[in-house]
Structures are given as structure tokens and as C-alpha cells.
Full PDB file with SEQRES, HELIX, SHEET, SSBOND, CRYST1, ORIGX, SCALE, CONECT and MASTER records, all heavy atoms in Angstrom:
SEQRES   1 A   41  PRO ALA THR HIS THR GLN ALA ASN ALA PRO ARG ILE TRP          
SEQRES   2 A   41  TRP LEU PRO HIS HIS PRO GLU SER ALA GLY THR ALA ARG          
SEQRES   3 A   41  ARG ILE ALA GLY ALA ALA LEU HIS THR TRP ASN ILE ASP          
SEQRES   4 A   41  ASP ASP                                                      
HELIX    1 AA1 SER A   21  THR A   35  1                                  15    
CRYST1    1.000    1.000    1.000  90.00  90.00  90.00 P 1           1          
ORIGX1      1.000000  0.000000  0.000000        0.00000                         
ORIGX2      0.000000  1.000000  0.000000        0.00000                         
ORIGX3      0.000000  0.000000  1.000000        0.00000                         
SCALE1      1.000000  0.000000  0.000000        0.00000                         
SCALE2      0.000000  1.000000  0.000000        0.00000                         
SCALE3      0.000000  0.000000  1.000000        0.00000                         
ATOM      1  N   PRO A   1      96.776  90.173  95.213  1.00  0.00           N  
ATOM      2  CA  PRO A   1      97.282  90.195  96.548  1.00  0.00           C  
ATOM      3  C   PRO A   1      97.919  88.805  96.993  1.00  0.00           C  
ATOM      4  O   PRO A   1      97.570  87.831  96.323  1.00  0.00           O  
ATOM      5  CB  PRO A   1      96.010  90.355  97.413  1.00  0.00           C  
ATOM      6  CG  PRO A   1      94.896  89.834  96.544  1.00  0.00           C  
ATOM      7  CD  PRO A   1      95.331  90.096  95.074  1.00  0.00           C  
ATOM      8  N   ALA A   2      98.885  88.833  97.870  1.00  0.00           N  
ATOM      9  CA  ALA A   2      99.380  87.667  98.384  1.00  0.00           C  
ATOM     10  C   ALA A   2      98.296  86.989  99.271  1.00  0.00           C  
ATOM     11  O   ALA A   2      97.398  87.625  99.682  1.00  0.00           O  
ATOM     12  CB  ALA A   2     100.598  87.968  99.235  1.00  0.00           C  
ATOM     13  N   THR A   3      98.447  85.744  99.601  1.00  0.00           N  
ATOM     14  CA  THR A   3      97.437  85.001 100.328  1.00  0.00           C  
ATOM     15  C   THR A   3      97.700  85.262 101.771  1.00  0.00           C  
ATOM     16  O   THR A   3      98.771  85.059 102.334  1.00  0.00           O  
ATOM     17  CB  THR A   3      97.521  83.503 100.010  1.00  0.00           C  
ATOM     18  OG1 THR A   3      97.378  83.319  98.590  1.00  0.00           O  
ATOM     19  CG2 THR A   3      96.424  82.773 100.676  1.00  0.00           C  
ATOM     20  N   HIS A   4      96.672  85.636 102.562  1.00  0.00           N  
ATOM     21  CA  HIS A   4      96.730  85.878 103.983  1.00  0.00           C  
ATOM     22  C   HIS A   4      95.415  85.339 104.591  1.00  0.00           C  
ATOM     23  O   HIS A   4      94.479  85.296 103.981  1.00  0.00           O  
ATOM     24  CB  HIS A   4      96.861  87.389 104.288  1.00  0.00           C  
ATOM     25  CG  HIS A   4      98.153  87.948 103.660  1.00  0.00           C  
ATOM     26  ND1 HIS A   4      99.352  87.749 104.079  1.00  0.00           N  
ATOM     27  CD2 HIS A   4      98.228  88.687 102.617  1.00  0.00           C  
ATOM     28  CE1 HIS A   4     100.292  88.351 103.447  1.00  0.00           C  
ATOM     29  NE2 HIS A   4      99.630  88.990 102.482  1.00  0.00           N  
ATOM     30  N   THR A   5      95.547  85.009 105.856  1.00  0.00           N  
ATOM     31  CA  THR A   5      94.392  84.456 106.587  1.00  0.00           C  
ATOM     32  C   THR A   5      93.619  85.559 107.329  1.00  0.00           C  
ATOM     33  O   THR A   5      92.481  85.497 107.536  1.00  0.00           O  
ATOM     34  CB  THR A   5      94.780  83.417 107.548  1.00  0.00           C  
ATOM     35  OG1 THR A   5      95.818  83.917 108.413  1.00  0.00           O  
ATOM     36  CG2 THR A   5      95.361  82.223 106.811  1.00  0.00           C  
ATOM     37  N   GLN A   6      94.296  86.569 107.766  1.00  0.00           N  
ATOM     38  CA  GLN A   6      93.594  87.691 108.511  1.00  0.00           C  
ATOM     39  C   GLN A   6      92.997  88.684 107.501  1.00  0.00           C  
ATOM     40  O   GLN A   6      93.573  88.974 106.478  1.00  0.00           O  
ATOM     41  CB  GLN A   6      94.609  88.431 109.407  1.00  0.00           C  
ATOM     42  CG  GLN A   6      95.055  87.577 110.529  1.00  0.00           C  
ATOM     43  CD  GLN A   6      96.014  88.431 111.325  1.00  0.00           C  
ATOM     44  OE1 GLN A   6      97.197  88.809 110.866  1.00  0.00           O  
ATOM     45  NE2 GLN A   6      95.752  88.643 112.626  1.00  0.00           N  
ATOM     46  N   ALA A   7      91.941  89.353 107.931  1.00  0.00           N  
ATOM     47  CA  ALA A   7      91.201  90.215 107.095  1.00  0.00           C  
ATOM     48  C   ALA A   7      92.119  91.462 106.749  1.00  0.00           C  
ATOM     49  O   ALA A   7      92.084  91.906 105.600  1.00  0.00           O  
ATOM     50  CB  ALA A   7      89.951  90.681 107.737  1.00  0.00           C  
ATOM     51  N   ASN A   8      92.815  91.968 107.751  1.00  0.00           N  
ATOM     52  CA  ASN A   8      93.655  93.152 107.429  1.00  0.00           C  
ATOM     53  C   ASN A   8      95.150  92.811 107.547  1.00  0.00           C  
ATOM     54  O   ASN A   8      95.974  93.674 107.940  1.00  0.00           O  
ATOM     55  CB  ASN A   8      93.246  94.333 108.335  1.00  0.00           C  
ATOM     56  CG  ASN A   8      93.517  94.002 109.829  1.00  0.00           C  
ATOM     57  OD1 ASN A   8      93.782  92.889 110.206  1.00  0.00           O  
ATOM     58  ND2 ASN A   8      93.521  95.101 110.602  1.00  0.00           N  
ATOM     59  N   ALA A   9      95.499  91.635 107.242  1.00  0.00           N  
ATOM     60  CA  ALA A   9      96.911  91.158 107.234  1.00  0.00           C  
ATOM     61  C   ALA A   9      97.692  91.969 106.125  1.00  0.00           C  
ATOM     62  O   ALA A   9      97.072  92.469 105.197  1.00  0.00           O  
ATOM     63  CB  ALA A   9      97.039  89.721 106.942  1.00  0.00           C  
ATOM     64  N   PRO A  10      99.029  92.141 106.274  1.00  0.00           N  
ATOM     65  CA  PRO A  10      99.774  92.809 105.250  1.00  0.00           C  
ATOM     66  C   PRO A  10      99.409  92.248 103.788  1.00  0.00           C  
ATOM     67  O   PRO A  10      99.292  91.035 103.720  1.00  0.00           O  
ATOM     68  CB  PRO A  10     101.216  92.564 105.610  1.00  0.00           C  
ATOM     69  CG  PRO A  10     101.153  92.275 107.052  1.00  0.00           C  
ATOM     70  CD  PRO A  10      99.788  91.630 107.270  1.00  0.00           C  
ATOM     71  N   ARG A  11      99.313  93.144 102.859  1.00  0.00           N  
ATOM     72  CA  ARG A  11      99.039  92.740 101.493  1.00  0.00           C  
ATOM     73  C   ARG A  11     100.109  93.254 100.560  1.00  0.00           C  
ATOM     74  O   ARG A  11     100.682  94.328 100.821  1.00  0.00           O  
ATOM     75  CB  ARG A  11      97.715  93.305 101.032  1.00  0.00           C  
ATOM     76  CG  ARG A  11      96.506  93.015 101.933  1.00  0.00           C  
ATOM     77  CD  ARG A  11      95.772  91.785 101.393  1.00  0.00           C  
ATOM     78  NE  ARG A  11      94.725  91.479 102.267  1.00  0.00           N  
ATOM     79  CZ  ARG A  11      93.389  91.534 101.990  1.00  0.00           C  
ATOM     80  NH1 ARG A  11      93.046  91.966 100.772  1.00  0.00           N  
ATOM     81  NH2 ARG A  11      92.504  91.157 102.955  1.00  0.00           N  
ATOM     82  N   ILE A  12     100.497  92.467  99.588  1.00  0.00           N  
ATOM     83  CA  ILE A  12     101.540  92.915  98.594  1.00  0.00           C  
ATOM     84  C   ILE A  12     101.008  92.627  97.218  1.00  0.00           C  
ATOM     85  O   ILE A  12     100.540  91.516  96.922  1.00  0.00           O  
ATOM     86  CB  ILE A  12     102.872  91.979  98.821  1.00  0.00           C  
ATOM     87  CG1 ILE A  12     103.340  92.274 100.278  1.00  0.00           C  
ATOM     88  CG2 ILE A  12     103.883  92.514  97.823  1.00  0.00           C  
ATOM     89  CD1 ILE A  12     104.397  91.286 100.653  1.00  0.00           C  
ATOM     90  N   TRP A  13     101.207  93.609  96.332  1.00  0.00           N  
ATOM     91  CA  TRP A  13     100.854  93.446  94.948  1.00  0.00           C  
ATOM     92  C   TRP A  13     102.042  93.803  94.068  1.00  0.00           C  
ATOM     93  O   TRP A  13     102.641  94.903  94.247  1.00  0.00           O  
ATOM     94  CB  TRP A  13      99.698  94.339  94.530  1.00  0.00           C  
ATOM     95  CG  TRP A  13      98.388  94.040  95.311  1.00  0.00           C  
ATOM     96  CD1 TRP A  13      97.370  93.226  94.824  1.00  0.00           C  
ATOM     97  CD2 TRP A  13      97.905  94.592  96.542  1.00  0.00           C  
ATOM     98  NE1 TRP A  13      96.324  93.242  95.734  1.00  0.00           N  
ATOM     99  CE2 TRP A  13      96.654  94.105  96.762  1.00  0.00           C  
ATOM    100  CE3 TRP A  13      98.476  95.517  97.413  1.00  0.00           C  
ATOM    101  CZ2 TRP A  13      95.956  94.404  97.898  1.00  0.00           C  
ATOM    102  CZ3 TRP A  13      97.769  95.809  98.588  1.00  0.00           C  
ATOM    103  CH2 TRP A  13      96.533  95.275  98.823  1.00  0.00           C  
ATOM    104  N   TRP A  14     102.370  92.878  93.189  1.00  0.00           N  
ATOM    105  CA  TRP A  14     103.446  93.242  92.146  1.00  0.00           C  
ATOM    106  C   TRP A  14     102.738  93.920  91.029  1.00  0.00           C  
ATOM    107  O   TRP A  14     101.663  93.390  90.512  1.00  0.00           O  
ATOM    108  CB  TRP A  14     104.057  91.890  91.714  1.00  0.00           C  
ATOM    109  CG  TRP A  14     104.948  91.305  92.753  1.00  0.00           C  
ATOM    110  CD1 TRP A  14     104.522  90.257  93.576  1.00  0.00           C  
ATOM    111  CD2 TRP A  14     106.202  91.673  93.129  1.00  0.00           C  
ATOM    112  NE1 TRP A  14     105.538  89.973  94.448  1.00  0.00           N  
ATOM    113  CE2 TRP A  14     106.591  90.840  94.203  1.00  0.00           C  
ATOM    114  CE3 TRP A  14     107.122  92.696  92.695  1.00  0.00           C  
ATOM    115  CZ2 TRP A  14     107.862  90.913  94.827  1.00  0.00           C  
ATOM    116  CZ3 TRP A  14     108.351  92.734  93.369  1.00  0.00           C  
ATOM    117  CH2 TRP A  14     108.684  91.862  94.361  1.00  0.00           C  
ATOM    118  N   LEU A  15     103.252  94.981  90.508  1.00  0.00           N  
ATOM    119  CA  LEU A  15     102.710  95.765  89.469  1.00  0.00           C  
ATOM    120  C   LEU A  15     103.627  95.871  88.303  1.00  0.00           C  
ATOM    121  O   LEU A  15     104.838  95.991  88.476  1.00  0.00           O  
ATOM    122  CB  LEU A  15     102.337  97.221  89.915  1.00  0.00           C  
ATOM    123  CG  LEU A  15     101.333  97.226  91.154  1.00  0.00           C  
ATOM    124  CD1 LEU A  15     101.416  98.621  91.771  1.00  0.00           C  
ATOM    125  CD2 LEU A  15      99.944  96.879  90.686  1.00  0.00           C  
ATOM    126  N   PRO A  16     103.069  95.962  87.091  1.00  0.00           N  
ATOM    127  CA  PRO A  16     103.941  96.133  85.928  1.00  0.00           C  
ATOM    128  C   PRO A  16     104.569  97.546  85.968  1.00  0.00           C  
ATOM    129  O   PRO A  16     103.963  98.471  86.536  1.00  0.00           O  
ATOM    130  CB  PRO A  16     103.002  95.976  84.680  1.00  0.00           C  
ATOM    131  CG  PRO A  16     101.674  95.792  85.223  1.00  0.00           C  
ATOM    132  CD  PRO A  16     101.630  95.742  86.713  1.00  0.00           C  
ATOM    133  N   HIS A  17     105.751  97.691  85.373  1.00  0.00           N  
ATOM    134  CA  HIS A  17     106.422  99.010  85.416  1.00  0.00           C  
ATOM    135  C   HIS A  17     105.926  99.789  84.194  1.00  0.00           C  
ATOM    136  O   HIS A  17     106.671 100.055  83.165  1.00  0.00           O  
ATOM    137  CB  HIS A  17     107.908  98.811  85.384  1.00  0.00           C  
ATOM    138  CG  HIS A  17     108.649  99.997  85.878  1.00  0.00           C  
ATOM    139  ND1 HIS A  17     109.081 100.945  85.016  1.00  0.00           N  
ATOM    140  CD2 HIS A  17     109.108 100.307  87.117  1.00  0.00           C  
ATOM    141  CE1 HIS A  17     109.701 101.854  85.748  1.00  0.00           C  
ATOM    142  NE2 HIS A  17     109.730 101.462  86.972  1.00  0.00           N  
ATOM    143  N   HIS A  18     104.644 100.193  84.257  1.00  0.00           N  
ATOM    144  CA  HIS A  18     103.958 100.987  83.177  1.00  0.00           C  
ATOM    145  C   HIS A  18     103.134 102.148  83.816  1.00  0.00           C  
ATOM    146  O   HIS A  18     102.686 102.025  84.958  1.00  0.00           O  
ATOM    147  CB  HIS A  18     102.981 100.074  82.449  1.00  0.00           C  
ATOM    148  CG  HIS A  18     103.620  98.938  81.767  1.00  0.00           C  
ATOM    149  ND1 HIS A  18     104.391  99.070  80.613  1.00  0.00           N  
ATOM    150  CD2 HIS A  18     103.575  97.646  82.016  1.00  0.00           C  
ATOM    151  CE1 HIS A  18     104.824  97.868  80.254  1.00  0.00           C  
ATOM    152  NE2 HIS A  18     104.423  96.982  81.065  1.00  0.00           N  
ATOM    153  N   PRO A  19     103.008 103.262  83.162  1.00  0.00           N  
ATOM    154  CA  PRO A  19     102.232 104.428  83.676  1.00  0.00           C  
ATOM    155  C   PRO A  19     100.854 104.056  84.199  1.00  0.00           C  
ATOM    156  O   PRO A  19     100.446 104.612  85.214  1.00  0.00           O  
ATOM    157  CB  PRO A  19     102.156 105.336  82.442  1.00  0.00           C  
ATOM    158  CG  PRO A  19     103.358 104.941  81.612  1.00  0.00           C  
ATOM    159  CD  PRO A  19     103.502 103.516  81.784  1.00  0.00           C  
ATOM    160  N   GLU A  20     100.145 103.060  83.622  1.00  0.00           N  
ATOM    161  CA  GLU A  20      98.914 102.705  84.082  1.00  0.00           C  
ATOM    162  C   GLU A  20      98.898 102.100  85.485  1.00  0.00           C  
ATOM    163  O   GLU A  20      97.786 102.041  86.119  1.00  0.00           O  
ATOM    164  CB  GLU A  20      98.223 101.666  83.091  1.00  0.00           C  
ATOM    165  CG  GLU A  20      98.153 102.085  81.702  1.00  0.00           C  
ATOM    166  CD  GLU A  20      99.444 101.844  80.918  1.00  0.00           C  
ATOM    167  OE1 GLU A  20     100.188 100.860  81.209  1.00  0.00           O  
ATOM    168  OE2 GLU A  20      99.721 102.650  80.031  1.00  0.00           O  
ATOM    169  N   SER A  21     100.049 101.715  85.984  1.00  0.00           N  
ATOM    170  CA  SER A  21     100.101 101.044  87.316  1.00  0.00           C  
ATOM    171  C   SER A  21      99.799 102.092  88.415  1.00  0.00           C  
ATOM    172  O   SER A  21      99.419 101.590  89.508  1.00  0.00           O  
ATOM    173  CB  SER A  21     101.458 100.432  87.503  1.00  0.00           C  
ATOM    174  OG  SER A  21     101.564  99.287  86.675  1.00  0.00           O  
ATOM    175  N   ALA A  22      99.957 103.366  88.222  1.00  0.00           N  
ATOM    176  CA  ALA A  22      99.610 104.262  89.297  1.00  0.00           C  
ATOM    177  C   ALA A  22      98.145 104.151  89.504  1.00  0.00           C  
ATOM    178  O   ALA A  22      97.656 104.148  90.771  1.00  0.00           O  
ATOM    179  CB  ALA A  22     100.046 105.651  88.868  1.00  0.00           C  
ATOM    180  N   GLY A  23      97.283 104.182  88.459  1.00  0.00           N  
ATOM    181  CA  GLY A  23      95.883 103.994  88.633  1.00  0.00           C  
ATOM    182  C   GLY A  23      95.482 102.710  89.193  1.00  0.00           C  
ATOM    183  O   GLY A  23      94.562 102.596  90.087  1.00  0.00           O  
ATOM    184  N   THR A  24      96.122 101.636  88.729  1.00  0.00           N  
ATOM    185  CA  THR A  24      95.850 100.306  89.196  1.00  0.00           C  
ATOM    186  C   THR A  24      96.181 100.254  90.734  1.00  0.00           C  
ATOM    187  O   THR A  24      95.409  99.689  91.534  1.00  0.00           O  
ATOM    188  CB  THR A  24      96.770  99.252  88.476  1.00  0.00           C  
ATOM    189  OG1 THR A  24      96.491  99.391  87.061  1.00  0.00           O  
ATOM    190  CG2 THR A  24      96.485  97.879  89.018  1.00  0.00           C  
ATOM    191  N   ALA A  25      97.239 100.858  91.188  1.00  0.00           N  
ATOM    192  CA  ALA A  25      97.632 100.800  92.604  1.00  0.00           C  
ATOM    193  C   ALA A  25      96.510 101.504  93.421  1.00  0.00           C  
ATOM    194  O   ALA A  25      96.225 101.114  94.552  1.00  0.00           O  
ATOM    195  CB  ALA A  25      99.052 101.475  92.731  1.00  0.00           C  
ATOM    196  N   ARG A  26      96.037 102.652  92.869  1.00  0.00           N  
ATOM    197  CA  ARG A  26      94.968 103.362  93.639  1.00  0.00           C  
ATOM    198  C   ARG A  26      93.743 102.500  93.747  1.00  0.00           C  
ATOM    199  O   ARG A  26      93.108 102.457  94.808  1.00  0.00           O  
ATOM    200  CB  ARG A  26      94.726 104.746  92.982  1.00  0.00           C  
ATOM    201  CG  ARG A  26      95.714 105.831  93.153  1.00  0.00           C  
ATOM    202  CD  ARG A  26      95.321 107.131  92.694  1.00  0.00           C  
ATOM    203  NE  ARG A  26      95.013 107.184  91.283  1.00  0.00           N  
ATOM    204  CZ  ARG A  26      95.955 107.444  90.302  1.00  0.00           C  
ATOM    205  NH1 ARG A  26      97.193 107.613  90.615  1.00  0.00           N  
ATOM    206  NH2 ARG A  26      95.583 107.435  89.070  1.00  0.00           N  
ATOM    207  N   ARG A  27      93.365 101.924  92.697  1.00  0.00           N  
ATOM    208  CA  ARG A  27      92.146 101.078  92.681  1.00  0.00           C  
ATOM    209  C   ARG A  27      92.302  99.865  93.715  1.00  0.00           C  
ATOM    210  O   ARG A  27      91.454  99.600  94.483  1.00  0.00           O  
ATOM    211  CB  ARG A  27      91.784 100.546  91.374  1.00  0.00           C  
ATOM    212  CG  ARG A  27      91.178 101.647  90.445  1.00  0.00           C  
ATOM    213  CD  ARG A  27      90.680 101.111  89.152  1.00  0.00           C  
ATOM    214  NE  ARG A  27      91.684 100.495  88.307  1.00  0.00           N  
ATOM    215  CZ  ARG A  27      92.489 101.181  87.536  1.00  0.00           C  
ATOM    216  NH1 ARG A  27      92.459 102.518  87.456  1.00  0.00           N  
ATOM    217  NH2 ARG A  27      93.359 100.606  86.724  1.00  0.00           N  
ATOM    218  N   ILE A  28      93.454  99.233  93.606  1.00  0.00           N  
ATOM    219  CA  ILE A  28      93.780  98.106  94.471  1.00  0.00           C  
ATOM    220  C   ILE A  28      93.827  98.545  95.944  1.00  0.00           C  
ATOM    221  O   ILE A  28      93.115  97.858  96.832  1.00  0.00           O  
ATOM    222  CB  ILE A  28      95.158  97.476  94.173  1.00  0.00           C  
ATOM    223  CG1 ILE A  28      95.156  96.737  92.830  1.00  0.00           C  
ATOM    224  CG2 ILE A  28      95.652  96.552  95.246  1.00  0.00           C  
ATOM    225  CD1 ILE A  28      96.478  96.345  92.325  1.00  0.00           C  
ATOM    226  N   ALA A  29      94.457  99.656  96.291  1.00  0.00           N  
ATOM    227  CA  ALA A  29      94.486 100.132  97.637  1.00  0.00           C  
ATOM    228  C   ALA A  29      93.193 100.532  98.069  1.00  0.00           C  
ATOM    229  O   ALA A  29      92.799 100.211  99.241  1.00  0.00           O  
ATOM    230  CB  ALA A  29      95.558 101.294  97.708  1.00  0.00           C  
ATOM    231  N   GLY A  30      92.395 101.236  97.283  1.00  0.00           N  
ATOM    232  CA  GLY A  30      91.098 101.659  97.755  1.00  0.00           C  
ATOM    233  C   GLY A  30      90.208 100.463  98.080  1.00  0.00           C  
ATOM    234  O   GLY A  30      89.473 100.467  99.099  1.00  0.00           O  
ATOM    235  N   ALA A  31      90.245  99.492  97.300  1.00  0.00           N  
ATOM    236  CA  ALA A  31      89.385  98.243  97.524  1.00  0.00           C  
ATOM    237  C   ALA A  31      89.898  97.565  98.809  1.00  0.00           C  
ATOM    238  O   ALA A  31      88.986  97.198  99.574  1.00  0.00           O  
ATOM    239  CB  ALA A  31      89.500  97.293  96.325  1.00  0.00           C  
ATOM    240  N   ALA A  32      91.160  97.432  99.033  1.00  0.00           N  
ATOM    241  CA  ALA A  32      91.635  96.800 100.191  1.00  0.00           C  
ATOM    242  C   ALA A  32      91.274  97.584 101.439  1.00  0.00           C  
ATOM    243  O   ALA A  32      90.770  97.014 102.460  1.00  0.00           O  
ATOM    244  CB  ALA A  32      93.158  96.613 100.140  1.00  0.00           C  
ATOM    245  N   LEU A  33      91.448  98.822 101.411  1.00  0.00           N  
ATOM    246  CA  LEU A  33      91.184  99.712 102.556  1.00  0.00           C  
ATOM    247  C   LEU A  33      89.601  99.758 102.884  1.00  0.00           C  
ATOM    248  O   LEU A  33      89.332  99.773 104.060  1.00  0.00           O  
ATOM    249  CB  LEU A  33      91.660 101.105 102.324  1.00  0.00           C  
ATOM    250  CG  LEU A  33      93.223 101.203 102.164  1.00  0.00           C  
ATOM    251  CD1 LEU A  33      93.622 102.619 101.894  1.00  0.00           C  
ATOM    252  CD2 LEU A  33      93.918 100.699 103.371  1.00  0.00           C  
ATOM    253  N   HIS A  34      88.792  99.678 101.858  1.00  0.00           N  
ATOM    254  CA  HIS A  34      87.354  99.527 102.130  1.00  0.00           C  
ATOM    255  C   HIS A  34      87.052  98.276 102.862  1.00  0.00           C  
ATOM    256  O   HIS A  34      86.225  98.221 103.835  1.00  0.00           O  
ATOM    257  CB  HIS A  34      86.555  99.725 100.820  1.00  0.00           C  
ATOM    258  CG  HIS A  34      86.368 101.089 100.382  1.00  0.00           C  
ATOM    259  ND1 HIS A  34      85.552 101.979 101.042  1.00  0.00           N  
ATOM    260  CD2 HIS A  34      86.900 101.798  99.342  1.00  0.00           C  
ATOM    261  CE1 HIS A  34      85.582 103.151 100.394  1.00  0.00           C  
ATOM    262  NE2 HIS A  34      86.430 103.090  99.418  1.00  0.00           N  
ATOM    263  N   THR A  35      87.686  97.174 102.380  1.00  0.00           N  
ATOM    264  CA  THR A  35      87.472  95.866 103.084  1.00  0.00           C  
ATOM    265  C   THR A  35      87.911  95.854 104.558  1.00  0.00           C  
ATOM    266  O   THR A  35      87.422  95.121 105.298  1.00  0.00           O  
ATOM    267  CB  THR A  35      87.958  94.701 102.339  1.00  0.00           C  
ATOM    268  OG1 THR A  35      89.416  94.769 102.362  1.00  0.00           O  
ATOM    269  CG2 THR A  35      87.479  94.606 100.868  1.00  0.00           C  
ATOM    270  N   TRP A  36      88.900  96.731 104.841  1.00  0.00           N  
ATOM    271  CA  TRP A  36      89.384  96.820 106.206  1.00  0.00           C  
ATOM    272  C   TRP A  36      88.596  97.852 107.053  1.00  0.00           C  
ATOM    273  O   TRP A  36      88.914  98.141 108.198  1.00  0.00           O  
ATOM    274  CB  TRP A  36      90.864  97.294 106.195  1.00  0.00           C  
ATOM    275  CG  TRP A  36      91.806  96.317 105.617  1.00  0.00           C  
ATOM    276  CD1 TRP A  36      91.563  95.014 105.210  1.00  0.00           C  
ATOM    277  CD2 TRP A  36      93.202  96.528 105.398  1.00  0.00           C  
ATOM    278  NE1 TRP A  36      92.727  94.473 104.794  1.00  0.00           N  
ATOM    279  CE2 TRP A  36      93.739  95.368 104.793  1.00  0.00           C  
ATOM    280  CE3 TRP A  36      94.071  97.582 105.581  1.00  0.00           C  
ATOM    281  CZ2 TRP A  36      95.015  95.206 104.474  1.00  0.00           C  
ATOM    282  CZ3 TRP A  36      95.348  97.521 105.138  1.00  0.00           C  
ATOM    283  CH2 TRP A  36      95.903  96.338 104.646  1.00  0.00           C  
ATOM    284  N   ASN A  37      87.483  98.339 106.388  1.00  0.00           N  
ATOM    285  CA  ASN A  37      86.629  99.374 107.068  1.00  0.00           C  
ATOM    286  C   ASN A  37      87.313 100.605 107.483  1.00  0.00           C  
ATOM    287  O   ASN A  37      87.037 101.201 108.569  1.00  0.00           O  
ATOM    288  CB  ASN A  37      85.874  98.690 108.268  1.00  0.00           C  
ATOM    289  CG  ASN A  37      84.973  97.560 107.741  1.00  0.00           C  
ATOM    290  OD1 ASN A  37      84.244  97.771 106.815  1.00  0.00           O  
ATOM    291  ND2 ASN A  37      84.934  96.471 108.517  1.00  0.00           N  
ATOM    292  N   ILE A  38      88.296 101.072 106.758  1.00  0.00           N  
ATOM    293  CA  ILE A  38      88.994 102.316 106.997  1.00  0.00           C  
ATOM    294  C   ILE A  38      88.064 103.506 106.596  1.00  0.00           C  
ATOM    295  O   ILE A  38      87.345 103.363 105.656  1.00  0.00           O  
ATOM    296  CB  ILE A  38      90.312 102.392 106.169  1.00  0.00           C  
ATOM    297  CG1 ILE A  38      91.175 101.162 106.465  1.00  0.00           C  
ATOM    298  CG2 ILE A  38      91.000 103.649 106.351  1.00  0.00           C  
ATOM    299  CD1 ILE A  38      91.724 101.084 107.857  1.00  0.00           C  
ATOM    300  N   ASP A  39      88.067 104.522 107.337  1.00  0.00           N  
ATOM    301  CA  ASP A  39      87.150 105.633 107.070  1.00  0.00           C  
ATOM    302  C   ASP A  39      87.523 106.275 105.738  1.00  0.00           C  
ATOM    303  O   ASP A  39      88.658 106.261 105.321  1.00  0.00           O  
ATOM    304  CB  ASP A  39      87.044 106.598 108.234  1.00  0.00           C  
ATOM    305  CG  ASP A  39      88.353 107.359 108.363  1.00  0.00           C  
ATOM    306  OD1 ASP A  39      88.511 108.430 107.751  1.00  0.00           O  
ATOM    307  OD2 ASP A  39      89.287 106.889 109.137  1.00  0.00           O  
ATOM    308  N   ASP A  40      86.569 106.966 105.178  1.00  0.00           N  
ATOM    309  CA  ASP A  40      86.773 107.633 103.826  1.00  0.00           C  
ATOM    310  C   ASP A  40      87.896 108.660 103.807  1.00  0.00           C  
ATOM    311  O   ASP A  40      88.665 108.749 102.817  1.00  0.00           O  
ATOM    312  CB  ASP A  40      85.495 108.219 103.288  1.00  0.00           C  
ATOM    313  CG  ASP A  40      84.412 107.169 102.908  1.00  0.00           C  
ATOM    314  OD1 ASP A  40      84.849 106.018 102.648  1.00  0.00           O  
ATOM    315  OD2 ASP A  40      83.234 107.451 102.853  1.00  0.00           O  
ATOM    316  N   ASP A  41      87.962 109.509 104.798  1.00  0.00           N  
ATOM    317  CA  ASP A  41      89.018 110.517 104.880  1.00  0.00           C  
ATOM    318  C   ASP A  41      90.454 109.839 104.869  1.00  0.00           C  
ATOM    319  O   ASP A  41      91.336 110.364 104.207  1.00  0.00           O  
ATOM    320  CB  ASP A  41      88.883 111.414 106.079  1.00  0.00           C  
ATOM    321  CG  ASP A  41      87.722 112.345 105.973  1.00  0.00           C  
ATOM    322  OD1 ASP A  41      87.235 112.655 104.860  1.00  0.00           O  
ATOM    323  OD2 ASP A  41      87.252 112.859 107.018  1.00  0.00           O  
TER     324      ASP A  41                                                      
MASTER        0    0    0    1    0    0    0    6  323    1    0    4          
END                                                                             
């Protein structure tokens, strides 16, 4: 993630252009959204 001071500030991740990046993106997004206390649905 880029460096931010707010807990739910915009986040940006650069990903390699490889098929595995779809799974990586899901894991990264899931972790970030959990830290933002977004509901499971």
C-alpha cells in the first residue's frame, strides 16, 4: 500500500502483470476492507 495517515484513506497497490495477481488483489482488498470495518456482505 501507499503510505497514508488516515485509517481508511485511499490505498493503491501496484501488482505484477501475472495471473496470480487476481488472487493477490483479492487478499489485499479483503485485508484492507476488514481493517476499515466494512461488513462481510
